Amino acid sequence: MTEYINMWKNFANFSDTANRRDYWMAFLVNCIVIFVLGLIAGRSMMNALMEGRTPPLNIINIYNIVAFIPSISIAVRRFRDIGKEWYYVFLFLILCIGQAYAIYLLAQPTGKYR
């Protein structure tokens, strides 16, 4: 949980490094938060539709917008930790192959490509 909190505290820090545990624990907690928000949003949307009201704003989308910069920041720090440049974060934009290669790189030990 401290890794997730550190992700939010260092949201504007693109120059340091993040070890493998920092990145993947923050990623795991982020996925759990999104899952829980999905349950809450689904429940509130179902209640609104059953009562004939307009569904509320999707809190998952709001969370994803807020968490975008901290997620990019920790990914950049992780790439720097393995010895790659910051622009490797753009691998996530290449579907399938680029994303698979980015995940492979993020799973590498500290300093492997230095």
N, C-alpha and C. Protein backbone atom coordinates (compact mmCIF):
# COMPACT_ATOMS: atom_id res chain seq x y z
N MET A 1 0.81 -1.19 0.00
CA MET A 1 0.00 0.00 0.00
C MET A 1 0.86 1.26 0.00
N THR A 2 2.05 1.18 0.61
CA THR A 2 2.92 2.35 0.63
C THR A 2 3.40 2.71 -0.78
N GLU A 3 3.54 1.70 -1.62
CA GLU A 3 3.95 1.96 -3.00
C GLU A 3 2.88 2.76 -3.75
N TYR A 4 1.61 2.45 -3.48
CA TYR A 4 0.51 3.16 -4.11
C TYR A 4 0.46 4.61 -3.62
N ILE A 5 0.66 4.80 -2.33
CA ILE A 5 0.69 6.15 -1.78
C ILE A 5 1.86 6.93 -2.35
N ASN A 6 3.01 6.27 -2.47
CA ASN A 6 4.18 6.94 -3.06
C ASN A 6 3.95 7.30 -4.53
N MET A 7 3.16 6.48 -5.23
CA MET A 7 2.83 6.82 -6.62
C MET A 7 2.11 8.16 -6.67
N TRP A 8 1.20 8.39 -5.74
CA TRP A 8 0.45 9.64 -5.71
C TRP A 8 1.32 10.80 -5.20
N LYS A 9 2.18 10.53 -4.24
CA LYS A 9 3.05 11.59 -3.72
C LYS A 9 4.06 12.06 -4.77
N ASN A 10 4.54 11.14 -5.59
CA ASN A 10 5.55 11.46 -6.60
C ASN A 10 4.96 11.60 -7.99
N PHE A 11 3.73 12.10 -8.07
CA PHE A 11 3.05 12.15 -9.37
C PHE A 11 3.76 13.05 -10.38
N ALA A 12 4.52 14.03 -9.94
CA ALA A 12 5.19 14.94 -10.86
C ALA A 12 6.68 14.64 -10.97
N ASN A 13 7.12 13.55 -10.40
CA ASN A 13 8.53 13.20 -10.40
C ASN A 13 8.81 12.23 -11.55
N PHE A 14 9.40 12.75 -12.61
CA PHE A 14 9.73 11.93 -13.77
C PHE A 14 11.22 11.64 -13.86
N SER A 15 12.00 12.06 -12.86
CA SER A 15 13.46 11.95 -12.99
C SER A 15 14.08 10.87 -12.13
N ASP A 16 13.42 10.41 -11.10
CA ASP A 16 13.99 9.37 -10.25
C ASP A 16 13.73 7.99 -10.85
N THR A 17 13.91 6.97 -10.04
CA THR A 17 13.66 5.60 -10.48
C THR A 17 12.62 4.94 -9.56
N ALA A 18 12.01 3.88 -10.05
CA ALA A 18 11.07 3.08 -9.26
C ALA A 18 11.43 1.62 -9.48
N ASN A 19 11.66 0.90 -8.40
CA ASN A 19 12.04 -0.50 -8.57
C ASN A 19 10.83 -1.35 -8.97
N ARG A 20 11.10 -2.60 -9.23
CA ARG A 20 10.05 -3.50 -9.72
C ARG A 20 8.89 -3.61 -8.74
N ARG A 21 9.20 -3.74 -7.46
CA ARG A 21 8.15 -3.85 -6.45
C ARG A 21 7.29 -2.59 -6.39
N ASP A 22 7.92 -1.42 -6.43
CA ASP A 22 7.17 -0.16 -6.40
C ASP A 22 6.17 -0.10 -7.54
N TYR A 23 6.63 -0.44 -8.74
CA TYR A 23 5.74 -0.34 -9.91
C TYR A 23 4.60 -1.34 -9.84
N TRP A 24 4.92 -2.60 -9.61
CA TRP A 24 3.89 -3.64 -9.71
C TRP A 24 2.92 -3.62 -8.53
N MET A 25 3.37 -3.21 -7.35
CA MET A 25 2.43 -3.09 -6.22
C MET A 25 1.48 -1.92 -6.44
N ALA A 26 2.00 -0.80 -6.96
CA ALA A 26 1.14 0.34 -7.29
C ALA A 26 0.15 -0.06 -8.38
N PHE A 27 0.61 -0.83 -9.36
CA PHE A 27 -0.26 -1.31 -10.43
C PHE A 27 -1.37 -2.21 -9.87
N LEU A 28 -1.01 -3.12 -8.96
CA LEU A 28 -1.98 -4.04 -8.37
C LEU A 28 -3.04 -3.28 -7.56
N VAL A 29 -2.61 -2.37 -6.72
CA VAL A 29 -3.57 -1.61 -5.91
C VAL A 29 -4.45 -0.75 -6.82
N ASN A 30 -3.88 -0.20 -7.87
CA ASN A 30 -4.65 0.58 -8.83
C ASN A 30 -5.74 -0.28 -9.48
N CYS A 31 -5.40 -1.51 -9.84
CA CYS A 31 -6.40 -2.43 -10.42
C CYS A 31 -7.50 -2.76 -9.41
N ILE A 32 -7.14 -2.95 -8.16
CA ILE A 32 -8.13 -3.25 -7.12
C ILE A 32 -9.06 -2.06 -6.92
N VAL A 33 -8.50 -0.85 -6.91
CA VAL A 33 -9.32 0.36 -6.76
C VAL A 33 -10.31 0.47 -7.92
N ILE A 34 -9.83 0.23 -9.14
CA ILE A 34 -10.72 0.29 -10.31
C ILE A 34 -11.81 -0.77 -10.23
N PHE A 35 -11.47 -1.97 -9.75
CA PHE A 35 -12.47 -3.04 -9.60
C PHE A 35 -13.55 -2.64 -8.59
N VAL A 36 -13.13 -2.12 -7.44
CA VAL A 36 -14.08 -1.71 -6.42
C VAL A 36 -14.96 -0.56 -6.92
N LEU A 37 -14.34 0.40 -7.60
CA LEU A 37 -15.13 1.50 -8.17
C LEU A 37 -16.11 0.98 -9.22
N GLY A 38 -15.71 -0.04 -9.96
CA GLY A 38 -16.60 -0.65 -10.94
C GLY A 38 -17.81 -1.28 -10.28
N LEU A 39 -17.59 -1.94 -9.16
CA LEU A 39 -18.72 -2.53 -8.42
C LEU A 39 -19.67 -1.44 -7.94
N ILE A 40 -19.10 -0.38 -7.39
CA ILE A 40 -19.93 0.72 -6.89
C ILE A 40 -20.68 1.39 -8.03
N ALA A 41 -19.97 1.65 -9.13
CA ALA A 41 -20.60 2.32 -10.27
C ALA A 41 -21.69 1.45 -10.89
N GLY A 42 -21.43 0.17 -11.00
CA GLY A 42 -22.43 -0.74 -11.56
C GLY A 42 -23.68 -0.80 -10.70
N ARG A 43 -23.47 -0.83 -9.41
CA ARG A 43 -24.60 -0.88 -8.48
C ARG A 43 -25.43 0.40 -8.55
N SER A 44 -24.74 1.56 -8.56
CA SER A 44 -25.48 2.82 -8.59
C SER A 44 -26.16 3.02 -9.95
N MET A 45 -25.54 2.53 -11.02
CA MET A 45 -26.15 2.65 -12.33
C MET A 45 -27.41 1.77 -12.42
N MET A 46 -27.32 0.58 -11.88
CA MET A 46 -28.48 -0.31 -11.88
C MET A 46 -29.62 0.28 -11.06
N ASN A 47 -29.31 0.83 -9.90
CA ASN A 47 -30.35 1.45 -9.06
C ASN A 47 -31.00 2.62 -9.79
N ALA A 48 -30.20 3.44 -10.45
CA ALA A 48 -30.73 4.60 -11.17
C ALA A 48 -31.63 4.16 -12.32
N LEU A 49 -31.22 3.15 -13.05
CA LEU A 49 -32.03 2.69 -14.18
C LEU A 49 -33.32 2.02 -13.72
N MET A 50 -33.26 1.31 -12.60
CA MET A 50 -34.46 0.66 -12.07
C MET A 50 -35.48 1.69 -11.58
N GLU A 51 -34.98 2.82 -11.08
CA GLU A 51 -35.87 3.85 -10.56
C GLU A 51 -36.25 4.87 -11.63
N GLY A 52 -35.72 4.71 -12.84
CA GLY A 52 -36.06 5.61 -13.93
C GLY A 52 -35.31 6.94 -13.89
N ARG A 53 -34.24 7.01 -13.12
CA ARG A 53 -33.44 8.23 -13.05
C ARG A 53 -32.30 8.16 -14.06
N THR A 54 -31.68 9.29 -14.28
CA THR A 54 -30.49 9.34 -15.12
C THR A 54 -29.32 8.77 -14.34
N PRO A 55 -28.53 7.88 -14.94
CA PRO A 55 -27.39 7.30 -14.22
C PRO A 55 -26.37 8.37 -13.84
N PRO A 56 -25.72 8.21 -12.69
CA PRO A 56 -24.72 9.19 -12.26
C PRO A 56 -23.47 9.13 -13.13
N LEU A 57 -22.59 10.10 -12.93
CA LEU A 57 -21.32 10.08 -13.66
C LEU A 57 -20.56 8.81 -13.36
N ASN A 58 -19.85 8.33 -14.33
CA ASN A 58 -19.08 7.11 -14.15
C ASN A 58 -17.81 7.43 -13.37
N ILE A 59 -17.75 6.98 -12.12
CA ILE A 59 -16.62 7.31 -11.26
C ILE A 59 -15.33 6.64 -11.72
N ILE A 60 -15.43 5.57 -12.49
CA ILE A 60 -14.23 4.93 -13.00
C ILE A 60 -13.52 5.85 -13.99
N ASN A 61 -14.28 6.49 -14.86
CA ASN A 61 -13.67 7.41 -15.81
C ASN A 61 -13.02 8.59 -15.11
N ILE A 62 -13.67 9.12 -14.09
CA ILE A 62 -13.09 10.23 -13.33
C ILE A 62 -11.79 9.79 -12.66
N TYR A 63 -11.80 8.61 -12.05
CA TYR A 63 -10.59 8.10 -11.40
C TYR A 63 -9.47 7.90 -12.42
N ASN A 64 -9.79 7.33 -13.58
CA ASN A 64 -8.76 7.11 -14.60
C ASN A 64 -8.15 8.41 -15.09
N ILE A 65 -8.96 9.45 -15.23
CA ILE A 65 -8.42 10.74 -15.64
C ILE A 65 -7.49 11.30 -14.57
N VAL A 66 -7.89 11.18 -13.31
CA VAL A 66 -7.06 11.69 -12.20
C VAL A 66 -5.78 10.86 -12.06
N ALA A 67 -5.86 9.55 -12.25
CA ALA A 67 -4.70 8.67 -12.05
C ALA A 67 -3.79 8.58 -13.27
N PHE A 68 -4.13 9.23 -14.36
CA PHE A 68 -3.35 9.11 -15.60
C PHE A 68 -1.91 9.59 -15.42
N ILE A 69 -1.72 10.80 -14.91
CA ILE A 69 -0.37 11.36 -14.76
C ILE A 69 0.46 10.56 -13.75
N PRO A 70 -0.05 10.20 -12.56
CA PRO A 70 0.75 9.38 -11.66
C PRO A 70 1.13 8.02 -12.26
N SER A 71 0.25 7.44 -13.07
CA SER A 71 0.56 6.15 -13.69
C SER A 71 1.66 6.29 -14.74
N ILE A 72 1.60 7.36 -15.52
CA ILE A 72 2.66 7.61 -16.50
C ILE A 72 3.96 7.89 -15.79
N SER A 73 3.90 8.66 -14.71
CA SER A 73 5.10 9.03 -13.95
C SER A 73 5.81 7.80 -13.40
N ILE A 74 5.08 6.89 -12.80
CA ILE A 74 5.73 5.71 -12.23
C ILE A 74 6.25 4.78 -13.33
N ALA A 75 5.58 4.74 -14.47
CA ALA A 75 6.08 3.94 -15.59
C ALA A 75 7.38 4.52 -16.13
N VAL A 76 7.46 5.84 -16.25
CA VAL A 76 8.69 6.49 -16.70
C VAL A 76 9.82 6.21 -15.72
N ARG A 77 9.54 6.32 -14.42
CA ARG A 77 10.57 6.04 -13.42
C ARG A 77 11.01 4.58 -13.47
N ARG A 78 10.08 3.68 -13.75
CA ARG A 78 10.43 2.25 -13.86
C ARG A 78 11.31 2.00 -15.07
N PHE A 79 10.97 2.62 -16.21
CA PHE A 79 11.82 2.47 -17.40
C PHE A 79 13.21 3.02 -17.13
N ARG A 80 13.31 4.13 -16.42
CA ARG A 80 14.62 4.70 -16.09
C ARG A 80 15.39 3.75 -15.17
N ASP A 81 14.68 3.04 -14.30
CA ASP A 81 15.33 2.12 -13.37
C ASP A 81 15.97 0.95 -14.09
N ILE A 82 15.37 0.48 -15.18
CA ILE A 82 15.97 -0.65 -15.89
C ILE A 82 17.00 -0.19 -16.91
N GLY A 83 17.14 1.13 -17.10
CA GLY A 83 18.15 1.64 -18.01
C GLY A 83 17.62 2.08 -19.35
N LYS A 84 16.33 2.19 -19.49
CA LYS A 84 15.72 2.65 -20.74
C LYS A 84 15.33 4.13 -20.61
N GLU A 85 15.11 4.76 -21.74
CA GLU A 85 14.74 6.17 -21.74
C GLU A 85 13.25 6.33 -21.48
N TRP A 86 12.85 7.57 -21.17
CA TRP A 86 11.46 7.86 -20.80
C TRP A 86 10.49 7.59 -21.94
N TYR A 87 10.93 7.73 -23.17
CA TYR A 87 10.00 7.61 -24.29
C TYR A 87 9.58 6.16 -24.55
N TYR A 88 10.13 5.21 -23.84
CA TYR A 88 9.66 3.83 -23.96
C TYR A 88 8.22 3.68 -23.45
N VAL A 89 7.74 4.67 -22.70
CA VAL A 89 6.37 4.63 -22.23
C VAL A 89 5.38 4.65 -23.40
N PHE A 90 5.82 5.17 -24.55
CA PHE A 90 4.95 5.20 -25.73
C PHE A 90 4.73 3.82 -26.34
N LEU A 91 5.45 2.80 -25.88
CA LEU A 91 5.22 1.43 -26.35
C LEU A 91 3.78 0.99 -26.06
N PHE A 92 3.19 1.55 -25.00
CA PHE A 92 1.83 1.18 -24.65
C PHE A 92 0.82 1.60 -25.72
N LEU A 93 1.20 2.53 -26.58
CA LEU A 93 0.29 2.97 -27.64
C LEU A 93 0.26 2.00 -28.83
N ILE A 94 1.27 1.14 -28.93
CA ILE A 94 1.31 0.15 -30.01
C ILE A 94 0.57 -1.09 -29.51
N LEU A 95 -0.53 -1.39 -30.14
CA LEU A 95 -1.37 -2.49 -29.67
C LEU A 95 -0.64 -3.83 -29.74
N CYS A 96 -0.94 -4.68 -28.81
CA CYS A 96 -0.48 -6.06 -28.68
C CYS A 96 1.04 -6.17 -28.55
N ILE A 97 1.77 -6.04 -29.63
CA ILE A 97 3.22 -6.27 -29.59
C ILE A 97 3.92 -5.23 -28.73
N GLY A 98 3.59 -3.97 -28.92
CA GLY A 98 4.21 -2.91 -28.13
C GLY A 98 3.87 -3.03 -26.66
N GLN A 99 2.63 -3.33 -26.37
CA GLN A 99 2.21 -3.48 -24.97
C GLN A 99 2.87 -4.69 -24.33
N ALA A 100 2.96 -5.79 -25.06
CA ALA A 100 3.61 -6.99 -24.52
C ALA A 100 5.08 -6.73 -24.25
N TYR A 101 5.75 -6.02 -25.16
CA TYR A 101 7.17 -5.70 -24.97
C TYR A 101 7.36 -4.74 -23.79
N ALA A 102 6.45 -3.78 -23.63
CA ALA A 102 6.53 -2.85 -22.51
C ALA A 102 6.37 -3.60 -21.19
N ILE A 103 5.43 -4.52 -21.12
CA ILE A 103 5.23 -5.31 -19.90
C ILE A 103 6.46 -6.16 -19.63
N TYR A 104 7.05 -6.74 -20.68
CA TYR A 104 8.28 -7.52 -20.53
C TYR A 104 9.39 -6.64 -19.94
N LEU A 105 9.54 -5.43 -20.47
CA LEU A 105 10.59 -4.53 -19.96
C LEU A 105 10.33 -4.13 -18.52
N LEU A 106 9.08 -3.84 -18.19
CA LEU A 106 8.75 -3.42 -16.83
C LEU A 106 8.97 -4.54 -15.82
N ALA A 107 8.99 -5.78 -16.24
CA ALA A 107 9.21 -6.91 -15.35
C ALA A 107 10.69 -7.24 -15.17
N GLN A 108 11.56 -6.54 -15.86
CA GLN A 108 13.00 -6.82 -15.77
C GLN A 108 13.58 -6.29 -14.48
N PRO A 109 14.69 -6.89 -14.00
CA PRO A 109 15.32 -6.41 -12.77
C PRO A 109 15.98 -5.04 -12.96
N THR A 110 16.25 -4.40 -11.86
CA THR A 110 16.87 -3.08 -11.86
C THR A 110 18.20 -3.09 -12.60
N GLY A 111 18.38 -2.11 -13.48
CA GLY A 111 19.66 -1.92 -14.16
C GLY A 111 20.01 -2.93 -15.22
N LYS A 112 19.09 -3.70 -15.72
CA LYS A 112 19.41 -4.75 -16.66
C LYS A 112 19.96 -4.20 -17.98
N TYR A 113 19.50 -3.05 -18.42
CA TYR A 113 19.91 -2.52 -19.73
C TYR A 113 20.86 -1.33 -19.59
N ARG A 114 21.62 -1.26 -18.51
CA ARG A 114 22.58 -0.15 -18.34
C ARG A 114 23.91 -0.53 -18.90
